[in-house]
C-alpha atoms as a PDB file:
ATOM      1  CA  UNK A   1      -5.204 -10.240  -1.047  1.00  0.00           C
ATOM      2  CA  UNK A   2      -5.684  -6.862   0.558  1.00  0.00           C
ATOM      3  CA  UNK A   3      -2.912  -5.095   2.453  1.00  0.00           C
ATOM      4  CA  UNK A   4      -4.765  -5.908   5.667  1.00  0.00           C
ATOM      5  CA  UNK A   5      -3.341  -9.433   5.781  1.00  0.00           C
ATOM      6  CA  UNK A   6       0.143 -10.829   5.277  1.00  0.00           C
ATOM      7  CA  UNK A   7      -1.194 -14.215   4.145  1.00  0.00           C
ATOM      8  CA  UNK A   8      -4.104 -15.433   2.101  1.00  0.00           C
ATOM      9  CA  UNK A   9      -4.213 -18.708   4.049  1.00  0.00           C
ATOM     10  CA  UNK A  10      -2.601 -19.640   7.351  1.00  0.00           C
ATOM     11  CA  UNK A  11      -2.643 -23.351   8.175  1.00  0.00           C
ATOM     12  CA  UNK A  12      -2.752 -24.735  11.720  1.00  0.00           C
ATOM     13  CA  UNK A  13      -2.450 -28.514  12.176  1.00  0.00           C
ATOM     14  CA  UNK A  14      -3.527 -30.137  15.431  1.00  0.00           C
ATOM     15  CA  UNK A  15      -5.602 -32.869  17.019  1.00  0.00           C
ATOM     16  CA  UNK A  16      -7.521 -30.504  19.348  1.00  0.00           C
ATOM     17  CA  UNK A  17      -8.282 -33.289  21.821  1.00  0.00           C
ATOM     18  CA  UNK A  18      -9.756 -31.186  23.327  1.00  0.00           C
ATOM     19  CA  UNK A  19      -9.591 -27.634  21.983  1.00  0.00           C
ATOM     20  CA  UNK A  20      -8.013 -25.361  24.638  1.00  0.00           C
ATOM     21  CA  UNK A  21      -6.854 -21.781  25.109  1.00  0.00           C
ATOM     22  CA  UNK A  22      -3.443 -22.535  23.660  1.00  0.00           C
ATOM     23  CA  UNK A  23      -5.126 -23.511  20.399  1.00  0.00           C
ATOM     24  CA  UNK A  24      -7.377 -20.465  20.649  1.00  0.00           C
ATOM     25  CA  UNK A  25      -4.320 -18.221  21.039  1.00  0.00           C
ATOM     26  CA  UNK A  26      -2.793 -19.609  17.833  1.00  0.00           C
ATOM     27  CA  UNK A  27      -6.028 -19.147  15.880  1.00  0.00           C
ATOM     28  CA  UNK A  28      -6.502 -15.598  17.151  1.00  0.00           C
ATOM     29  CA  UNK A  29      -2.944 -14.820  16.061  1.00  0.00           C
ATOM     30  CA  UNK A  30      -3.630 -16.380  12.666  1.00  0.00           C
ATOM     31  CA  UNK A  31      -6.842 -14.375  12.193  1.00  0.00           C
ATOM     32  CA  UNK A  32      -4.821 -11.181  12.567  1.00  0.00           C
ATOM     33  CA  UNK A  33      -2.361 -12.204   9.854  1.00  0.00           C
ATOM     34  CA  UNK A  34      -4.325 -14.365   7.427  1.00  0.00           C
ATOM     35  CA  UNK A  35      -7.459 -13.709   5.399  1.00  0.00           C
ATOM     36  CA  UNK A  36      -8.408 -17.351   5.925  1.00  0.00           C
ATOM     37  CA  UNK A  37      -7.321 -19.706   8.680  1.00  0.00           C
ATOM     38  CA  UNK A  38      -7.237 -23.376   7.726  1.00  0.00           C
ATOM     39  CA  UNK A  39      -7.460 -25.859  10.601  1.00  0.00           C
ATOM     40  CA  UNK A  40      -6.452 -29.395   9.708  1.00  0.00           C
ATOM     41  CA  UNK A  41      -7.967 -31.579  12.386  1.00  0.00           C
ATOM     42  CA  UNK A  42      -5.682 -34.594  12.772  1.00  0.00           C
ATOM     43  CA  UNK A  43      -6.469 -38.159  13.848  1.00  0.00           C
ATOM     44  CA  UNK A  44      -9.749 -38.022  11.933  1.00  0.00           C
ATOM     45  CA  UNK A  45     -11.674 -41.171  10.938  1.00  0.00           C
ATOM     46  CA  UNK A  46     -10.558 -43.179  13.965  1.00  0.00           C
ATOM     47  CA  UNK A  47     -12.533 -44.945  16.718  1.00  0.00           C
ATOM     48  CA  UNK A  48     -12.827 -43.259  20.076  1.00  0.00           C
ATOM     49  CA  UNK A  49      -9.825 -43.853  22.301  1.00  0.00           C
ATOM     50  CA  UNK A  50      -8.268 -42.267  25.375  1.00  0.00           C
ATOM     51  CA  UNK A  51      -5.848 -40.359  23.140  1.00  0.00           C
ATOM     52  CA  UNK A  52      -8.567 -39.349  20.655  1.00  0.00           C
ATOM     53  CA  UNK A  53     -11.872 -39.201  22.539  1.00  0.00           C
ATOM     54  CA  UNK A  54     -13.776 -36.938  20.119  1.00  0.00           C
ATOM     55  CA  UNK A  55     -14.734 -37.410  16.491  1.00  0.00           C
ATOM     56  CA  UNK A  56     -13.878 -34.777  13.901  1.00  0.00           C
ATOM     57  CA  UNK A  57     -17.453 -33.425  13.751  1.00  0.00           C
ATOM     58  CA  UNK A  58     -17.496 -32.964  17.530  1.00  0.00           C
ATOM     59  CA  UNK A  59     -14.159 -31.147  17.525  1.00  0.00           C
ATOM     60  CA  UNK A  60     -15.287 -28.898  14.689  1.00  0.00           C
ATOM     61  CA  UNK A  61     -18.367 -27.911  16.708  1.00  0.00           C
ATOM     62  CA  UNK A  62     -16.248 -27.262  19.813  1.00  0.00           C
ATOM     63  CA  UNK A  63     -13.900 -25.006  17.856  1.00  0.00           C
ATOM     64  CA  UNK A  64     -16.600 -23.019  16.072  1.00  0.00           C
ATOM     65  CA  UNK A  65     -18.444 -22.427  19.357  1.00  0.00           C
ATOM     66  CA  UNK A  66     -15.437 -20.410  20.522  1.00  0.00           C
ATOM     67  CA  UNK A  67     -15.511 -17.850  17.691  1.00  0.00           C
ATOM     68  CA  UNK A  68     -17.883 -15.231  16.357  1.00  0.00           C
ATOM     69  CA  UNK A  69     -19.881 -15.556  13.145  1.00  0.00           C
ATOM     70  CA  UNK A  70     -17.510 -13.248  11.272  1.00  0.00           C
ATOM     71  CA  UNK A  71     -14.478 -15.171  12.526  1.00  0.00           C
ATOM     72  CA  UNK A  72     -16.060 -18.493  11.581  1.00  0.00           C
ATOM     73  CA  UNK A  73     -16.586 -17.183   8.064  1.00  0.00           C
ATOM     74  CA  UNK A  74     -12.799 -16.971   7.789  1.00  0.00           C
ATOM     75  CA  UNK A  75     -12.059 -20.293   9.504  1.00  0.00           C
ATOM     76  CA  UNK A  76     -11.967 -23.416   7.344  1.00  0.00           C
ATOM     77  CA  UNK A  77     -11.855 -26.724   9.219  1.00  0.00           C
ATOM     78  CA  UNK A  78     -11.025 -29.982   7.433  1.00  0.00           C
ATOM     79  CA  UNK A  79     -10.400 -33.552   8.671  1.00  0.00           C
ATOM     80  CA  UNK A  80      -6.889 -34.958   8.362  1.00  0.00           C
ATOM     81  CA  UNK A  81      -6.372 -38.668   8.738  1.00  0.00           C
ATOM     82  CA  UNK A  82      -3.230 -39.990  10.380  1.00  0.00           C
ATOM     83  CA  UNK A  83      -0.968 -42.073   8.145  1.00  0.00           C
ATOM     84  CA  UNK A  84       1.057 -44.203  10.504  1.00  0.00           C
ATOM     85  CA  UNK A  85       4.204 -45.770   9.049  1.00  0.00           C
ATOM     86  CA  UNK A  86       4.309 -43.462   6.029  1.00  0.00           C
ATOM     87  CA  UNK A  87       5.229 -39.847   6.775  1.00  0.00           C
ATOM     88  CA  UNK A  88       5.573 -38.985   3.092  1.00  0.00           C
ATOM     89  CA  UNK A  89       1.969 -39.948   2.393  1.00  0.00           C
ATOM     90  CA  UNK A  90       0.807 -37.817   5.343  1.00  0.00           C
ATOM     91  CA  UNK A  91       2.758 -34.856   3.950  1.00  0.00           C
ATOM     92  CA  UNK A  92       1.166 -35.395   0.532  1.00  0.00           C
ATOM     93  CA  UNK A  93      -2.292 -35.497   2.108  1.00  0.00           C
ATOM     94  CA  UNK A  94      -1.643 -32.173   3.851  1.00  0.00           C
ATOM     95  CA  UNK A  95      -0.429 -30.638   0.603  1.00  0.00           C
ATOM     96  CA  UNK A  96      -3.437 -31.899  -1.371  1.00  0.00           C
ATOM     97  CA  UNK A  97      -5.935 -30.807   1.280  1.00  0.00           C
ATOM     98  CA  UNK A  98      -4.497 -27.294   1.482  1.00  0.00           C
ATOM     99  CA  UNK A  99      -4.212 -27.000  -2.302  1.00  0.00           C
ATOM    100  CA  UNK A 100      -7.852 -28.061  -2.672  1.00  0.00           C
ATOM    101  CA  UNK A 101      -9.003 -25.476  -0.145  1.00  0.00           C
ATOM    102  CA  UNK A 102      -6.962 -22.747  -1.820  1.00  0.00           C
ATOM    103  CA  UNK A 103      -8.377 -23.662  -5.241  1.00  0.00           C
ATOM    104  CA  UNK A 104     -11.965 -23.444  -3.967  1.00  0.00           C
ATOM    105  CA  UNK A 105     -11.598 -20.293  -1.839  1.00  0.00           C
ATOM    106  CA  UNK A 106      -8.999 -18.105  -3.523  1.00  0.00           C
ATOM    107  CA  UNK A 107     -10.603 -15.400  -5.630  1.00  0.00           C
ATOM    108  CA  UNK A 108      -7.487 -14.096  -7.407  1.00  0.00           C
ATOM    109  CA  UNK A 109      -6.376 -16.957  -9.692  1.00  0.00           C
ATOM    110  CA  UNK A 110      -4.083 -14.611 -11.636  1.00  0.00           C
ATOM    111  CA  UNK A 111      -1.952 -14.221  -8.509  1.00  0.00           C
ATOM    112  CA  UNK A 112      -0.243 -16.931  -6.490  1.00  0.00           C
ATOM    113  CA  UNK A 113      -1.855 -17.381  -3.096  1.00  0.00           C
ATOM    114  CA  UNK A 114       0.435 -16.761  -0.140  1.00  0.00           C
ATOM    115  CA  UNK A 115       0.175 -19.736   2.188  1.00  0.00           C
ATOM    116  CA  UNK A 116       1.779 -20.066   5.611  1.00  0.00           C
ATOM    117  CA  UNK A 117       1.937 -22.493   8.522  1.00  0.00           C
ATOM    118  CA  UNK A 118       1.435 -21.405  12.093  1.00  0.00           C
ATOM    119  CA  UNK A 119       2.001 -23.265  15.344  1.00  0.00           C
ATOM    120  CA  UNK A 120       3.846 -23.553  18.630  1.00  0.00           C
ATOM    121  CA  UNK A 121       7.595 -23.632  18.124  1.00  0.00           C
ATOM    122  CA  UNK A 122       8.322 -25.585  21.311  1.00  0.00           C
ATOM    123  CA  UNK A 123       5.447 -28.034  21.164  1.00  0.00           C
ATOM    124  CA  UNK A 124       6.251 -31.720  20.532  1.00  0.00           C
ATOM    125  CA  UNK A 125       3.802 -31.781  17.629  1.00  0.00           C
ATOM    126  CA  UNK A 126       5.204 -28.689  15.895  1.00  0.00           C
ATOM    127  CA  UNK A 127       7.713 -30.657  13.806  1.00  0.00           C
ATOM    128  CA  UNK A 128       5.365 -30.224  10.841  1.00  0.00           C
ATOM    129  CA  UNK A 129       6.457 -26.566  10.601  1.00  0.00           C
ATOM    130  CA  UNK A 130       9.701 -27.850   9.036  1.00  0.00           C
ATOM    131  CA  UNK A 131       8.094 -30.260   6.556  1.00  0.00           C
ATOM    132  CA  UNK A 132       6.680 -27.796   4.034  1.00  0.00           C
ATOM    133  CA  UNK A 133       9.459 -25.533   2.687  1.00  0.00           C
ATOM    134  CA  UNK A 134       7.142 -24.218  -0.059  1.00  0.00           C
ATOM    135  CA  UNK A 135       5.155 -22.354   2.624  1.00  0.00           C
ATOM    136  CA  UNK A 136       6.304 -19.722   5.095  1.00  0.00           C
ATOM    137  CA  UNK A 137       6.006 -20.549   8.788  1.00  0.00           C
ATOM    138  CA  UNK A 138       5.100 -18.561  11.874  1.00  0.00           C
ATOM    139  CA  UNK A 139       6.336 -19.977  15.171  1.00  0.00           C
ATOM    140  CA  UNK A 140       4.645 -18.911  18.391  1.00  0.00           C
ATOM    141  CA  UNK A 141       5.642 -19.581  21.972  1.00  0.00           C
ATOM    142  CA  UNK A 142       3.576 -22.193  23.761  1.00  0.00           C
ATOM    143  CA  UNK A 143       0.695 -20.356  25.411  1.00  0.00           C
ATOM    144  CA  UNK A 144       1.075 -20.688  29.207  1.00  0.00           C
ATOM    145  CA  UNK A 145       2.359 -24.251  28.791  1.00  0.00           C
ATOM    146  CA  UNK A 146      -1.154 -25.608  28.227  1.00  0.00           C
ATOM    147  CA  UNK A 147      -1.288 -29.161  26.874  1.00  0.00           C
ATOM    148  CA  UNK A 148      -4.174 -31.459  25.979  1.00  0.00           C
ATOM    149  CA  UNK A 149      -2.677 -34.542  27.656  1.00  0.00           C
ATOM    150  CA  UNK A 150      -3.094 -33.400  31.306  1.00  0.00           C
ATOM    151  CA  UNK A 151      -6.501 -31.961  30.392  1.00  0.00           C
ATOM    152  CA  UNK A 152      -7.671 -35.381  29.204  1.00  0.00           C
ATOM    153  CA  UNK A 153      -6.256 -36.940  32.374  1.00  0.00           C
ATOM    154  CA  UNK A 154      -8.231 -34.514  34.525  1.00  0.00           C
ATOM    155  CA  UNK A 155     -11.346 -35.115  32.431  1.00  0.00           C
ATOM    156  CA  UNK A 156     -11.264 -38.848  33.145  1.00  0.00           C
ATOM    157  CA  UNK A 157     -10.238 -38.585  36.799  1.00  0.00           C
ATOM    158  CA  UNK A 158     -11.287 -35.333  38.478  1.00  0.00           C
ATOM    159  CA  UNK A 159     -13.193 -32.849  36.351  1.00  0.00           C
ATOM    160  CA  UNK A 160     -12.950 -30.258  39.129  1.00  0.00           C
ATOM    161  CA  UNK A 161      -9.379 -29.708  37.919  1.00  0.00           C
ATOM    162  CA  UNK A 162     -10.691 -28.345  34.611  1.00  0.00           C
ATOM    163  CA  UNK A 163     -10.664 -24.560  34.664  1.00  0.00           C
ATOM    164  CA  UNK A 164     -11.252 -21.463  32.551  1.00  0.00           C
ATOM    165  CA  UNK A 165      -7.517 -20.799  32.756  1.00  0.00           C
ATOM    166  CA  UNK A 166      -7.021 -23.667  30.307  1.00  0.00           C
ATOM    167  CA  UNK A 167     -10.352 -24.089  28.546  1.00  0.00           C
ATOM    168  CA  UNK A 168     -12.829 -21.606  27.039  1.00  0.00           C
ATOM    169  CA  UNK A 169     -16.249 -21.595  28.699  1.00  0.00           C
ATOM    170  CA  UNK A 170     -17.792 -23.096  25.568  1.00  0.00           C
ATOM    171  CA  UNK A 171     -15.450 -26.085  25.794  1.00  0.00           C
ATOM    172  CA  UNK A 172     -16.131 -26.597  29.488  1.00  0.00           C
ATOM    173  CA  UNK A 173     -19.842 -26.698  28.698  1.00  0.00           C
ATOM    174  CA  UNK A 174     -19.303 -29.113  25.808  1.00  0.00           C
ATOM    175  CA  UNK A 175     -17.192 -31.453  27.935  1.00  0.00           C
ATOM    176  CA  UNK A 176     -19.812 -31.393  30.682  1.00  0.00           C
ATOM    177  CA  UNK A 177     -22.504 -32.437  28.192  1.00  0.00           C
ATOM    178  CA  UNK A 178     -20.330 -35.195  26.751  1.00  0.00           C
ATOM    179  CA  UNK A 179     -19.611 -36.633  30.198  1.00  0.00           C
ATOM    180  CA  UNK A 180     -23.286 -37.480  30.626  1.00  0.00           C
ATOM    181  CA  UNK A 181     -23.537 -39.844  27.647  1.00  0.00           C
ATOM    182  CA  UNK A 182     -22.652 -43.490  27.056  1.00  0.00           C
ATOM    183  CA  UNK A 183     -19.522 -42.708  25.019  1.00  0.00           C
ATOM    184  CA  UNK A 184     -17.959 -41.005  28.019  1.00  0.00           C
ATOM    185  CA  UNK A 185     -18.867 -44.003  30.201  1.00  0.00           C
ATOM    186  CA  UNK A 186     -17.122 -46.316  27.718  1.00  0.00           C
ATOM    187  CA  UNK A 187     -13.983 -44.140  27.691  1.00  0.00           C
ATOM    188  CA  UNK A 188     -13.989 -43.754  31.466  1.00  0.00           C
ATOM    189  CA  UNK A 189     -14.088 -47.544  31.851  1.00  0.00           C
ATOM    190  CA  UNK A 190     -11.205 -47.772  29.383  1.00  0.00           C
ATOM    191  CA  UNK A 191      -9.294 -45.199  31.451  1.00  0.00           C
ATOM    192  CA  UNK A 192      -9.879 -47.108  34.691  1.00  0.00           C
ATOM    193  CA  UNK A 193      -8.765 -50.358  33.047  1.00  0.00           C
ATOM    194  CA  UNK A 194      -5.539 -48.785  31.760  1.00  0.00           C
ATOM    195  CA  UNK A 195      -4.763 -47.291  35.177  1.00  0.00           C
ATOM    196  CA  UNK A 196      -5.151 -50.705  36.829  1.00  0.00           C
ATOM    197  CA  UNK A 197      -3.118 -52.337  34.070  1.00  0.00           C
ATOM    198  CA  UNK A 198      -0.245 -49.872  34.404  1.00  0.00           C
ATOM    199  CA  UNK A 199      -0.381 -50.050  38.206  1.00  0.00           C
ATOM    200  CA  UNK A 200       0.568 -53.710  37.936  1.00  0.00           C
ATOM    201  CA  UNK A 201       3.878 -52.684  36.357  1.00  0.00           C
ATOM    202  CA  UNK A 202       4.559 -49.739  38.656  1.00  0.00           C
ATOM    203  CA  UNK A 203       7.197 -51.605  40.665  1.00  0.00           C
ATOM    204  CA  UNK A 204       9.199 -52.618  37.577  1.00  0.00           C
ATOM    205  CA  UNK A 205      12.736 -51.161  37.598  1.00  0.00           C
ATOM    206  CA  UNK A 206      12.106 -49.524  34.210  1.00  0.00           C
ATOM    207  CA  UNK A 207       9.076 -48.905  31.979  1.00  0.00           C
ATOM    208  CA  UNK A 208       8.109 -52.222  30.370  1.00  0.00           C
ATOM    209  CA  UNK A 209       8.156 -52.846  26.637  1.00  0.00           C
ATOM    210  CA  UNK A 210       5.551 -55.377  25.544  1.00  0.00           C
ATOM    211  CA  UNK A 211       5.942 -57.662  22.520  1.00  0.00           C
ATOM    212  CA  UNK A 212       2.968 -58.959  20.571  1.00  0.00           C
ATOM    213  CA  UNK A 213       2.344 -60.874  17.346  1.00  0.00           C
ATOM    214  CA  UNK A 214      -0.557 -60.363  14.915  1.00  0.00           C
ATOM    215  CA  UNK A 215      -1.848 -62.300  11.932  1.00  0.00           C
ATOM    216  CA  UNK A 216      -2.981 -60.573   8.742  1.00  0.00           C
ATOM    217  CA  UNK A 217      -4.805 -63.412   6.976  1.00  0.00           C
ATOM    218  CA  UNK A 218      -6.154 -62.767   3.486  1.00  0.00           C
ATOM    219  CA  UNK A 219      -8.154 -65.082   1.245  1.00  0.00           C
ATOM    220  CA  UNK A 220     -10.144 -64.302  -1.893  1.00  0.00           C
ATOM    221  CA  UNK A 221     -10.355 -60.564  -1.220  1.00  0.00           C
ATOM    222  CA  UNK A 222     -11.378 -61.032   2.429  1.00  0.00           C
ATOM    223  CA  UNK A 223      -9.482 -60.435   5.671  1.00  0.00           C
ATOM    224  CA  UNK A 224      -9.889 -62.397   8.891  1.00  0.00           C
ATOM    225  CA  UNK A 225     -10.805 -60.162  11.832  1.00  0.00           C
ATOM    226  CA  UNK A 226     -12.129 -60.561  15.358  1.00  0.00           C
ATOM    227  CA  UNK A 227     -14.346 -58.429  17.553  1.00  0.00           C
ATOM    228  CA  UNK A 228     -12.588 -57.752  20.831  1.00  0.00           C
ATOM    229  CA  UNK A 229     -14.307 -59.128  23.909  1.00  0.00           C
ATOM    230  CA  UNK A 230     -12.150 -57.413  26.520  1.00  0.00           C
ATOM    231  CA  UNK A 231     -10.625 -54.016  27.199  1.00  0.00           C
ATOM    232  CA  UNK A 232      -8.937 -52.054  25.849  1.00  0.00           C
ATOM    233  CA  UNK A 233     -10.882 -51.581  22.631  1.00  0.00           C
ATOM    234  CA  UNK A 234     -13.827 -53.705  23.714  1.00  0.00           C
ATOM    235  CA  UNK A 235     -16.193 -54.144  20.747  1.00  0.00           C
ATOM    236  CA  UNK A 236     -13.708 -52.919  18.129  1.00  0.00           C
ATOM    237  CA  UNK A 237     -12.473 -54.973  15.189  1.00  0.00           C
ATOM    238  CA  UNK A 238      -8.925 -56.271  15.418  1.00  0.00           C
ATOM    239  CA  UNK A 239      -6.381 -58.568  13.855  1.00  0.00           C
ATOM    240  CA  UNK A 240      -6.050 -61.920  15.632  1.00  0.00           C
ATOM    241  CA  UNK A 241      -3.040 -61.642  17.886  1.00  0.00           C
ATOM    242  CA  UNK A 242      -1.700 -61.209  21.371  1.00  0.00           C
ATOM    243  CA  UNK A 243       1.288 -61.222  23.681  1.00  0.00           C
ATOM    244  CA  UNK A 244       4.319 -63.412  23.031  1.00  0.00           C
ATOM    245  CA  UNK A 245       4.925 -65.949  25.765  1.00  0.00           C
ATOM    246  CA  UNK A 246       8.339 -66.576  27.309  1.00  0.00           C
ATOM    247  CA  UNK A 247       8.846 -69.953  25.643  1.00  0.00           C
ATOM    248  CA  UNK A 248       7.757 -69.243  22.071  1.00  0.00           C
ATOM    249  CA  UNK A 249       9.007 -67.610  18.920  1.00  0.00           C
ATOM    250  CA  UNK A 250       7.206 -64.735  17.249  1.00  0.00           C
ATOM    251  CA  UNK A 251       5.763 -66.991  14.552  1.00  0.00           C
ATOM    252  CA  UNK A 252       4.649 -69.584  17.065  1.00  0.00           C
ATOM    253  CA  UNK A 253       2.912 -66.873  19.101  1.00  0.00           C
ATOM    254  CA  UNK A 254       1.197 -65.553  15.977  1.00  0.00           C
ATOM    255  CA  UNK A 255      -0.127 -68.968  14.946  1.00  0.00           C
ATOM    256  CA  UNK A 256      -1.199 -69.825  18.507  1.00  0.00           C
ATOM    257  CA  UNK A 257      -3.157 -66.582  18.892  1.00  0.00           C
ATOM    258  CA  UNK A 258      -4.671 -67.038  15.433  1.00  0.00           C
ATOM    259  CA  UNK A 259      -5.895 -70.496  16.380  1.00  0.00           C
ATOM    260  CA  UNK A 260      -7.143 -69.493  19.833  1.00  0.00           C
ATOM    261  CA  UNK A 261      -9.068 -66.434  18.683  1.00  0.00           C
ATOM    262  CA  UNK A 262     -10.560 -67.645  15.387  1.00  0.00           C
ATOM    263  CA  UNK A 263     -10.568 -71.480  15.530  1.00  0.00           C
ATOM    264  CA  UNK A 264      -9.266 -71.352  11.955  1.00  0.00           C
ATOM    265  CA  UNK A 265      -8.990 -74.965  10.786  1.00  0.00           C
ATOM    266  CA  UNK A 266      -6.181 -74.551   8.282  1.00  0.00           C
ATOM    267  CA  UNK A 267      -3.240 -76.909   8.903  1.00  0.00           C
ATOM    268  CA  UNK A 268      -0.156 -75.241  10.361  1.00  0.00           C
ATOM    269  CA  UNK A 269       2.109 -76.280   7.459  1.00  0.00           C
ATOM    270  CA  UNK A 270      -0.310 -74.572   5.066  1.00  0.00           C
ATOM    271  CA  UNK A 271      -0.320 -71.403   7.171  1.00  0.00           C
ATOM    272  CA  UNK A 272       3.473 -71.345   7.346  1.00  0.00           C
ATOM    273  CA  UNK A 273       3.741 -71.959   3.624  1.00  0.00           C
ATOM    274  CA  UNK A 274       1.334 -69.086   2.943  1.00  0.00           C
ATOM    275  CA  UNK A 275       3.383 -66.431   4.739  1.00  0.00           C
ATOM    276  CA  UNK A 276       4.218 -63.751   2.183  1.00  0.00           C
ATOM    277  CA  UNK A 277       5.711 -61.043   4.390  1.00  0.00           C
ATOM    278  CA  UNK A 278       6.334 -59.911   7.952  1.00  0.00           C
ATOM    279  CA  UNK A 279       6.901 -56.460   9.417  1.00  0.00           C
ATOM    280  CA  UNK A 280       7.503 -54.738  12.737  1.00  0.00           C
ATOM    281  CA  UNK A 281       5.125 -51.967  13.840  1.00  0.00           C
ATOM    282  CA  UNK A 282       6.491 -49.810  16.620  1.00  0.00           C
ATOM    283  CA  UNK A 283       4.781 -46.400  16.728  1.00  0.00           C
ATOM    284  CA  UNK A 284       5.382 -45.212  20.328  1.00  0.00           C
ATOM    285  CA  UNK A 285       1.724 -44.288  20.903  1.00  0.00           C
ATOM    286  CA  UNK A 286       0.178 -47.266  19.115  1.00  0.00           C
ATOM    287  CA  UNK A 287      -1.192 -48.772  22.352  1.00  0.00           C
ATOM    288  CA  UNK A 288      -2.768 -47.129  25.378  1.00  0.00           C
ATOM    289  CA  UNK A 289      -1.412 -49.929  27.608  1.00  0.00           C
ATOM    290  CA  UNK A 290       2.166 -48.744  27.200  1.00  0.00           C
ATOM    291  CA  UNK A 291       5.096 -49.198  24.816  1.00  0.00           C
ATOM    292  CA  UNK A 292       4.029 -52.155  22.678  1.00  0.00           C
ATOM    293  CA  UNK A 293       5.872 -53.457  19.629  1.00  0.00           C
ATOM    294  CA  UNK A 294       4.069 -55.906  17.394  1.00  0.00           C
ATOM    295  CA  UNK A 295       5.382 -58.290  14.758  1.00  0.00           C
ATOM    296  CA  UNK A 296       2.761 -58.947  12.094  1.00  0.00           C
ATOM    297  CA  UNK A 297       2.762 -61.832   9.633  1.00  0.00           C
ATOM    298  CA  UNK A 298       1.012 -61.499   6.277  1.00  0.00           C
ATOM    299  CA  UNK A 299      -0.603 -64.829   5.359  1.00  0.00           C
ATOM    300  CA  UNK A 300      -2.197 -65.115   1.935  1.00  0.00           C
ATOM    301  CA  UNK A 301      -4.234 -68.299   1.581  1.00  0.00           C
ATOM    302  CA  UNK A 302      -4.923 -69.867  -1.789  1.00  0.00           C
ATOM    303  CA  UNK A 303      -8.100 -68.415  -3.376  1.00  0.00           C
ATOM    304  CA  UNK A 304     -11.199 -70.514  -2.884  1.00  0.00           C
ATOM    305  CA  UNK A 305     -14.901 -70.035  -3.467  1.00  0.00           C
ATOM    306  CA  UNK A 306     -15.537 -71.152   0.103  1.00  0.00           C
ATOM    307  CA  UNK A 307     -13.865 -69.304   2.973  1.00  0.00           C
ATOM    308  CA  UNK A 308     -12.747 -71.435   5.936  1.00  0.00           C
ATOM    309  CA  UNK A 309     -15.147 -71.498   8.862  1.00  0.00           C
ATOM    310  CA  UNK A 310     -14.109 -69.399  11.850  1.00  0.00           C
ATOM    311  CA  UNK A 311     -15.462 -68.886  15.348  1.00  0.00           C
ATOM    312  CA  UNK A 312     -14.539 -66.449  18.073  1.00  0.00           C
ATOM    313  CA  UNK A 313     -12.634 -67.778  21.061  1.00  0.00           C
ATOM    314  CA  UNK A 314     -10.365 -66.688  23.912  1.00  0.00           C
ATOM    315  CA  UNK A 315     -10.248 -62.833  23.794  1.00  0.00           C
ATOM    316  CA  UNK A 316     -12.496 -62.621  20.724  1.00  0.00           C
ATOM    317  CA  UNK A 317     -16.261 -62.291  20.962  1.00  0.00           C
ATOM    318  CA  UNK A 318     -16.569 -63.096  17.269  1.00  0.00           C
ATOM    319  CA  UNK A 319     -14.345 -64.017  14.328  1.00  0.00           C
ATOM    320  CA  UNK A 320     -15.367 -63.150  10.787  1.00  0.00           C
ATOM    321  CA  UNK A 321     -14.203 -62.684   7.207  1.00  0.00           C
ATOM    322  CA  UNK A 322     -14.604 -59.116   5.982  1.00  0.00           C
ATOM    323  CA  UNK A 323     -14.439 -58.043   2.327  1.00  0.00           C
ATOM    324  CA  UNK A 324     -11.455 -55.730   1.903  1.00  0.00           C
ATOM    325  CA  UNK A 325     -13.778 -53.096   0.439  1.00  0.00           C
ATOM    326  CA  UNK A 326     -15.599 -52.945   3.792  1.00  0.00           C
ATOM    327  CA  UNK A 327     -12.564 -52.046   5.895  1.00  0.00           C
ATOM    328  CA  UNK A 328     -13.497 -49.116   8.124  1.00  0.00           C
ATOM    329  CA  UNK A 329     -10.784 -47.156   9.926  1.00  0.00           C
ATOM    330  CA  UNK A 330     -13.321 -45.969  12.536  1.00  0.00           C
ATOM    331  CA  UNK A 331     -13.944 -49.567  13.639  1.00  0.00           C
ATOM    332  CA  UNK A 332     -10.412 -50.936  13.902  1.00  0.00           C
ATOM    333  CA  UNK A 333      -8.410 -51.262  17.130  1.00  0.00           C
ATOM    334  CA  UNK A 334      -5.222 -49.267  17.717  1.00  0.00           C
ATOM    335  CA  UNK A 335      -3.135 -49.125  14.509  1.00  0.00           C
ATOM    336  CA  UNK A 336      -4.535 -52.294  12.907  1.00  0.00           C
ATOM    337  CA  UNK A 337      -6.066 -50.388   9.991  1.00  0.00           C
ATOM    338  CA  UNK A 338      -2.614 -49.020   9.104  1.00  0.00           C
ATOM    339  CA  UNK A 339      -0.973 -52.428   9.520  1.00  0.00           C
ATOM    340  CA  UNK A 340      -3.419 -53.878   7.001  1.00  0.00           C
ATOM    341  CA  UNK A 341      -2.932 -50.960   4.615  1.00  0.00           C
ATOM    342  CA  UNK A 342       0.850 -51.376   4.828  1.00  0.00           C
ATOM    343  CA  UNK A 343       0.728 -55.027   3.813  1.00  0.00           C
ATOM    344  CA  UNK A 344      -1.756 -54.293   1.020  1.00  0.00           C
ATOM    345  CA  UNK A 345       0.678 -51.737  -0.420  1.00  0.00           C
ATOM    346  CA  UNK A 346      -1.683 -48.823   0.193  1.00  0.00           C
ATOM    347  CA  UNK A 347       0.711 -46.914   2.470  1.00  0.00           C
END
């Protein structure tokens, strides 16, 4: 490391949904202090949603469009997958990703690379600055109070509210191009659905908390999934499940939804006797509809060469058995990928 820089690598973690001038301010500050700036782009490998509209590759392009060639030569951008329900695994993934980048880029192996974290000290996502005591941290004030959440709201309601005060010109141009394709239309319809859905609860005396039940059914290395027929998440894969009715227990709701959505012809006593575990999943942002807590039941059916026949019904366009090796986080609704991983002992 030359005397020009205080750090060999400065790490900035964010979702960049979308990239805005607050992010740009942090990166410009990092470029002044670090030889390399490492951007870990969170919420990678997920389906499009209102909270995460853009894929990693799209966000990387947006970011690089805002910097010169020389600056881009010093900016390293890597995807970082969320790990819901296991913070320690997420921390390990950050450590391994950064260590891999340092090993491939650092040209002075006889000296220990100086690594630091940089971010907004007052931002709700800046908690990660405290999670890595082996690295120094640089805390910056939030740049003009800019936040991605109201920017996304404006993008799906009134794009005239988007301005160069918040977004670089390159990002404004990128968002304008994206709004003309079918993916934007899908997300805009999702947005409109959620607004109507939440409007129905506007007169409630307090924000509602919804309770659902899901079934994680495994047999012979396959998992039972459905393709969603309705919004939100129309067309995405999901666990069979739904809202708990006033007159039923959590287990009863789970088995009812399982039957309605998949037509699974396994006797109820067999299903109950095959329950191996149950867990609560309560990440605050797990559902775009509002605060939703789900209770999932892990049902492991006896191995058989022939999987039970299933057929989509109710809210499911299709029901199907998927080999566990074919699970794809970019296809699965809300946090269902992480629910499955948790029961399989992979989180």
